Amino acid sequence: MPLLKTTPEGDVLLTAAITRSIATSEAFKQGNDEEGVRRFVNGVLGEGSYEKLPPPVLKRLMDNAQELKGETSSRNLYPPTTCEDVQKVKAPTLLLDRERSPKMFRLINDRLEHCLPSVERATIPAAFHQMEVENPQAFNETLLAFIAKH
């Protein structure tokens, strides 16, 4: 997320992400886990997305609400990260975009692609955020091809 600051739209997108995280955290602090998860999902995938998720996905999200509580209550949710930090990763890296992903994630991958010394990038079609669930065939094929290559 801090890499967003290095893009023209980054400050606005990062501020929006922090605002969503605070709203999510507030719902959890009030003891309303479902509302916290709803705010998180709608913040990441777009307003109204929570209501469109199938029951098994909603159950999995609720089963993992504790982890989300921890993440959104962290005082260091987005620790400083620079291109120089990212350049230290020497292993081949696969960046996965989702065809329908919010813009901020593509911008982060743009910056990572610029900074990483050994990087490949692919787009998973017909996916928002949970590409391994939304398009498992394309996700698996892409990942397995990358692993086989490296």
C-alpha atoms as a PDB file:
ATOM      1  CA  MET A   1       0.000   0.000   0.000  1.00  0.00           C
ATOM      2  CA  PRO A   2       2.730   2.560   0.750  1.00  0.00           C
ATOM      3  CA  LEU A   3       3.936   2.163  -2.833  1.00  0.00           C
ATOM      4  CA  LEU A   4       0.679   3.844  -3.874  1.00  0.00           C
ATOM      5  CA  LYS A   5       2.160   7.123  -2.646  1.00  0.00           C
ATOM      6  CA  THR A   6       4.595   6.991  -5.545  1.00  0.00           C
ATOM      7  CA  THR A   7       1.796   7.116  -8.127  1.00  0.00           C
ATOM      8  CA  PRO A   8      -0.135  10.214  -9.242  1.00  0.00           C
ATOM      9  CA  GLU A   9      -3.419   8.963  -7.754  1.00  0.00           C
ATOM     10  CA  GLY A  10      -1.813   7.173  -4.855  1.00  0.00           C
ATOM     11  CA  ASP A  11      -2.470   9.562  -1.992  1.00  0.00           C
ATOM     12  CA  VAL A  12      -6.199   9.633  -2.725  1.00  0.00           C
ATOM     13  CA  LEU A  13      -6.410   5.840  -3.036  1.00  0.00           C
ATOM     14  CA  LEU A  14      -4.305   5.232   0.078  1.00  0.00           C
ATOM     15  CA  THR A  15      -6.386   7.685   2.099  1.00  0.00           C
ATOM     16  CA  ALA A  16      -9.551   5.898   0.952  1.00  0.00           C
ATOM     17  CA  ALA A  17      -8.069   2.520   1.935  1.00  0.00           C
ATOM     18  CA  ILE A  18      -7.132   3.799   5.390  1.00  0.00           C
ATOM     19  CA  THR A  19     -10.609   5.305   5.835  1.00  0.00           C
ATOM     20  CA  ARG A  20     -12.211   1.955   4.912  1.00  0.00           C
ATOM     21  CA  SER A  21      -9.906   0.154   7.307  1.00  0.00           C
ATOM     22  CA  ILE A  22     -10.871   2.507  10.147  1.00  0.00           C
ATOM     23  CA  ALA A  23     -14.588   2.010   9.417  1.00  0.00           C
ATOM     24  CA  THR A  24     -14.077  -1.758   9.392  1.00  0.00           C
ATOM     25  CA  SER A  25     -12.151  -1.634  12.653  1.00  0.00           C
ATOM     26  CA  GLU A  26     -14.873   0.468  14.291  1.00  0.00           C
ATOM     27  CA  ALA A  27     -17.537  -2.105  13.438  1.00  0.00           C
ATOM     28  CA  PHE A  28     -15.378  -4.850  14.971  1.00  0.00           C
ATOM     29  CA  LYS A  29     -14.758  -2.754  18.099  1.00  0.00           C
ATOM     30  CA  GLN A  30     -18.532  -2.404  18.504  1.00  0.00           C
ATOM     31  CA  GLY A  31     -18.811  -6.206  18.434  1.00  0.00           C
ATOM     32  CA  ASN A  32     -20.487  -6.359  15.038  1.00  0.00           C
ATOM     33  CA  ASP A  33     -18.341  -8.866  13.147  1.00  0.00           C
ATOM     34  CA  GLU A  34     -20.745  -9.191  10.249  1.00  0.00           C
ATOM     35  CA  GLU A  35     -20.757  -5.427   9.681  1.00  0.00           C
ATOM     36  CA  GLY A  36     -16.954  -5.362   9.925  1.00  0.00           C
ATOM     37  CA  VAL A  37     -16.654  -8.059   7.279  1.00  0.00           C
ATOM     38  CA  ARG A  38     -19.290  -6.308   5.132  1.00  0.00           C
ATOM     39  CA  ARG A  39     -17.378  -3.017   5.274  1.00  0.00           C
ATOM     40  CA  PHE A  40     -14.133  -4.758   4.425  1.00  0.00           C
ATOM     41  CA  VAL A  41     -15.567  -6.664   1.445  1.00  0.00           C
ATOM     42  CA  ASN A  42     -17.401  -3.626   0.083  1.00  0.00           C
ATOM     43  CA  GLY A  43     -14.250  -1.541   0.544  1.00  0.00           C
ATOM     44  CA  VAL A  44     -12.110  -3.983  -1.409  1.00  0.00           C
ATOM     45  CA  LEU A  45     -14.577  -5.168  -4.045  1.00  0.00           C
ATOM     46  CA  GLY A  46     -16.952  -2.211  -4.300  1.00  0.00           C
ATOM     47  CA  GLU A  47     -20.188  -1.215  -2.615  1.00  0.00           C
ATOM     48  CA  GLY A  48     -22.817  -3.945  -2.667  1.00  0.00           C
ATOM     49  CA  SER A  49     -20.314  -6.757  -3.252  1.00  0.00           C
ATOM     50  CA  TYR A  50     -20.871  -8.386   0.135  1.00  0.00           C
ATOM     51  CA  GLU A  51     -24.515  -9.032  -0.642  1.00  0.00           C
ATOM     52  CA  LYS A  52     -23.596 -10.740  -3.926  1.00  0.00           C
ATOM     53  CA  LEU A  53     -21.206 -13.277  -2.415  1.00  0.00           C
ATOM     54  CA  PRO A  54     -22.372 -16.893  -2.316  1.00  0.00           C
ATOM     55  CA  PRO A  55     -23.097 -18.394   1.132  1.00  0.00           C
ATOM     56  CA  PRO A  56     -19.942 -20.584   1.221  1.00  0.00           C
ATOM     57  CA  VAL A  57     -17.739 -17.517   0.629  1.00  0.00           C
ATOM     58  CA  LEU A  58     -19.606 -15.516   3.275  1.00  0.00           C
ATOM     59  CA  LYS A  59     -19.148 -18.374   5.741  1.00  0.00           C
ATOM     60  CA  ARG A  60     -15.418 -18.534   5.047  1.00  0.00           C
ATOM     61  CA  LEU A  61     -15.127 -14.785   5.547  1.00  0.00           C
ATOM     62  CA  MET A  62     -16.992 -14.962   8.843  1.00  0.00           C
ATOM     63  CA  ASP A  63     -14.854 -17.933   9.921  1.00  0.00           C
ATOM     64  CA  ASN A  64     -11.824 -15.697   9.391  1.00  0.00           C
ATOM     65  CA  ALA A  65     -13.225 -12.561  10.997  1.00  0.00           C
ATOM     66  CA  GLN A  66     -10.716 -12.813  13.881  1.00  0.00           C
ATOM     67  CA  GLU A  67      -7.792 -12.457  11.479  1.00  0.00           C
ATOM     68  CA  LEU A  68      -9.456  -9.514   9.790  1.00  0.00           C
ATOM     69  CA  LYS A  69     -10.026  -7.889  13.189  1.00  0.00           C
ATOM     70  CA  GLY A  70      -6.334  -8.203  13.932  1.00  0.00           C
ATOM     71  CA  GLU A  71      -5.330  -6.794  10.586  1.00  0.00           C
ATOM     72  CA  THR A  72      -7.644  -3.793  10.724  1.00  0.00           C
ATOM     73  CA  SER A  73      -6.821  -2.949  14.340  1.00  0.00           C
ATOM     74  CA  SER A  74      -3.068  -2.864  13.707  1.00  0.00           C
ATOM     75  CA  ARG A  75      -1.408   0.472  14.358  1.00  0.00           C
ATOM     76  CA  ASN A  76       1.108  -0.440  11.692  1.00  0.00           C
ATOM     77  CA  LEU A  77      -1.308  -1.651   9.038  1.00  0.00           C
ATOM     78  CA  TYR A  78       0.695  -0.232   6.151  1.00  0.00           C
ATOM     79  CA  PRO A  79       4.350  -0.158   7.234  1.00  0.00           C
ATOM     80  CA  PRO A  80       6.673   1.999   5.157  1.00  0.00           C
ATOM     81  CA  THR A  81       7.828   0.196   2.024  1.00  0.00           C
ATOM     82  CA  THR A  82      10.030   1.617  -0.693  1.00  0.00           C
ATOM     83  CA  CYS A  83      11.129   0.466  -4.105  1.00  0.00           C
ATOM     84  CA  GLU A  84      14.578  -0.085  -2.588  1.00  0.00           C
ATOM     85  CA  ASP A  85      13.016  -2.473  -0.048  1.00  0.00           C
ATOM     86  CA  VAL A  86      11.266  -4.407  -2.797  1.00  0.00           C
ATOM     87  CA  GLN A  87      14.453  -4.611  -4.887  1.00  0.00           C
ATOM     88  CA  LYS A  88      15.956  -6.838  -2.181  1.00  0.00           C
ATOM     89  CA  VAL A  89      13.667  -9.665  -3.305  1.00  0.00           C
ATOM     90  CA  LYS A  90      15.889 -11.663  -5.634  1.00  0.00           C
ATOM     91  CA  ALA A  91      13.624 -14.672  -6.207  1.00  0.00           C
ATOM     92  CA  PRO A  92      11.560 -14.798  -9.391  1.00  0.00           C
ATOM     93  CA  THR A  93       8.236 -13.190  -8.572  1.00  0.00           C
ATOM     94  CA  LEU A  94       4.838 -13.595 -10.190  1.00  0.00           C
ATOM     95  CA  LEU A  95       2.479 -10.630  -9.952  1.00  0.00           C
ATOM     96  CA  LEU A  96      -1.133 -11.535 -10.532  1.00  0.00           C
ATOM     97  CA  ASP A  97      -3.671  -8.953 -11.604  1.00  0.00           C
ATOM     98  CA  ARG A  98      -7.368  -9.646 -11.635  1.00  0.00           C
ATOM     99  CA  GLU A  99      -9.333  -8.511 -14.640  1.00  0.00           C
ATOM    100  CA  ARG A 100     -11.981  -6.831 -12.453  1.00  0.00           C
ATOM    101  CA  SER A 101      -9.807  -5.779  -9.562  1.00  0.00           C
ATOM    102  CA  PRO A 102     -10.038  -2.286  -8.059  1.00  0.00           C
ATOM    103  CA  LYS A 103      -7.593   0.164  -9.586  1.00  0.00           C
ATOM    104  CA  MET A 104      -5.427   0.486  -6.490  1.00  0.00           C
ATOM    105  CA  PHE A 105      -4.292  -3.143  -6.758  1.00  0.00           C
ATOM    106  CA  ARG A 106      -3.220  -2.711 -10.377  1.00  0.00           C
ATOM    107  CA  LEU A 107      -1.304   0.428  -9.431  1.00  0.00           C
ATOM    108  CA  ILE A 108       0.480  -1.428  -6.634  1.00  0.00           C
ATOM    109  CA  ASN A 109       1.427  -4.183  -9.075  1.00  0.00           C
ATOM    110  CA  ASP A 110       2.640  -1.529 -11.539  1.00  0.00           C
ATOM    111  CA  ARG A 111       5.029  -0.222  -8.888  1.00  0.00           C
ATOM    112  CA  LEU A 112       6.100  -3.713  -7.816  1.00  0.00           C
ATOM    113  CA  GLU A 113       6.758  -4.649 -11.430  1.00  0.00           C
ATOM    114  CA  HIS A 114       8.951  -1.580 -11.784  1.00  0.00           C
ATOM    115  CA  CYS A 115      10.884  -2.334  -8.575  1.00  0.00           C
ATOM    116  CA  LEU A 116      11.339  -6.110  -8.606  1.00  0.00           C
ATOM    117  CA  PRO A 117      14.502  -7.382 -10.294  1.00  0.00           C
ATOM    118  CA  SER A 118      13.013 -10.671 -11.559  1.00  0.00           C
ATOM    119  CA  VAL A 119       9.299 -10.335 -12.226  1.00  0.00           C
ATOM    120  CA  GLU A 120       6.582 -11.739 -14.429  1.00  0.00           C
ATOM    121  CA  ARG A 121       3.024 -10.508 -14.555  1.00  0.00           C
ATOM    122  CA  ALA A 122      -0.239 -12.122 -15.586  1.00  0.00           C
ATOM    123  CA  THR A 123      -3.926 -11.250 -15.474  1.00  0.00           C
ATOM    124  CA  ILE A 124      -6.536 -13.703 -14.255  1.00  0.00           C
ATOM    125  CA  PRO A 125      -9.681 -13.157 -16.350  1.00  0.00           C
ATOM    126  CA  ALA A 126     -13.148 -12.816 -14.823  1.00  0.00           C
ATOM    127  CA  ALA A 127     -11.797 -12.300 -11.307  1.00  0.00           C
ATOM    128  CA  PHE A 128     -12.239  -9.545  -8.727  1.00  0.00           C
ATOM    129  CA  HIS A 129     -10.158 -10.307  -5.634  1.00  0.00           C
ATOM    130  CA  GLN A 130     -10.353 -13.999  -4.830  1.00  0.00           C
ATOM    131  CA  MET A 131      -8.998 -15.191  -8.139  1.00  0.00           C
ATOM    132  CA  GLU A 132      -8.321 -18.700  -6.841  1.00  0.00           C
ATOM    133  CA  VAL A 133     -12.057 -19.042  -6.159  1.00  0.00           C
ATOM    134  CA  GLU A 134     -13.503 -16.943  -8.976  1.00  0.00           C
ATOM    135  CA  ASN A 135     -11.404 -18.470 -11.754  1.00  0.00           C
ATOM    136  CA  PRO A 136      -9.519 -21.436 -10.290  1.00  0.00           C
ATOM    137  CA  GLN A 137      -8.595 -22.937 -13.665  1.00  0.00           C
ATOM    138  CA  ALA A 138      -6.843 -19.810 -14.951  1.00  0.00           C
ATOM    139  CA  PHE A 139      -5.258 -19.191 -11.544  1.00  0.00           C
ATOM    140  CA  ASN A 140      -3.905 -22.746 -11.267  1.00  0.00           C
ATOM    141  CA  GLU A 141      -2.656 -22.844 -14.868  1.00  0.00           C
ATOM    142  CA  THR A 142      -0.860 -19.521 -14.478  1.00  0.00           C
ATOM    143  CA  LEU A 143       0.697 -20.410 -11.148  1.00  0.00           C
ATOM    144  CA  LEU A 144       1.753 -23.913 -12.208  1.00  0.00           C
ATOM    145  CA  ALA A 145       3.316 -22.575 -15.428  1.00  0.00           C
ATOM    146  CA  PHE A 146       5.327 -20.048 -13.407  1.00  0.00           C
ATOM    147  CA  ILE A 147       6.482 -22.719 -10.952  1.00  0.00           C
ATOM    148  CA  ALA A 148       7.432 -25.086 -13.767  1.00  0.00           C
ATOM    149  CA  LYS A 149       9.467 -22.345 -15.419  1.00  0.00           C
ATOM    150  CA  HIS A 150      11.373 -21.512 -12.251  1.00  0.00           C
END
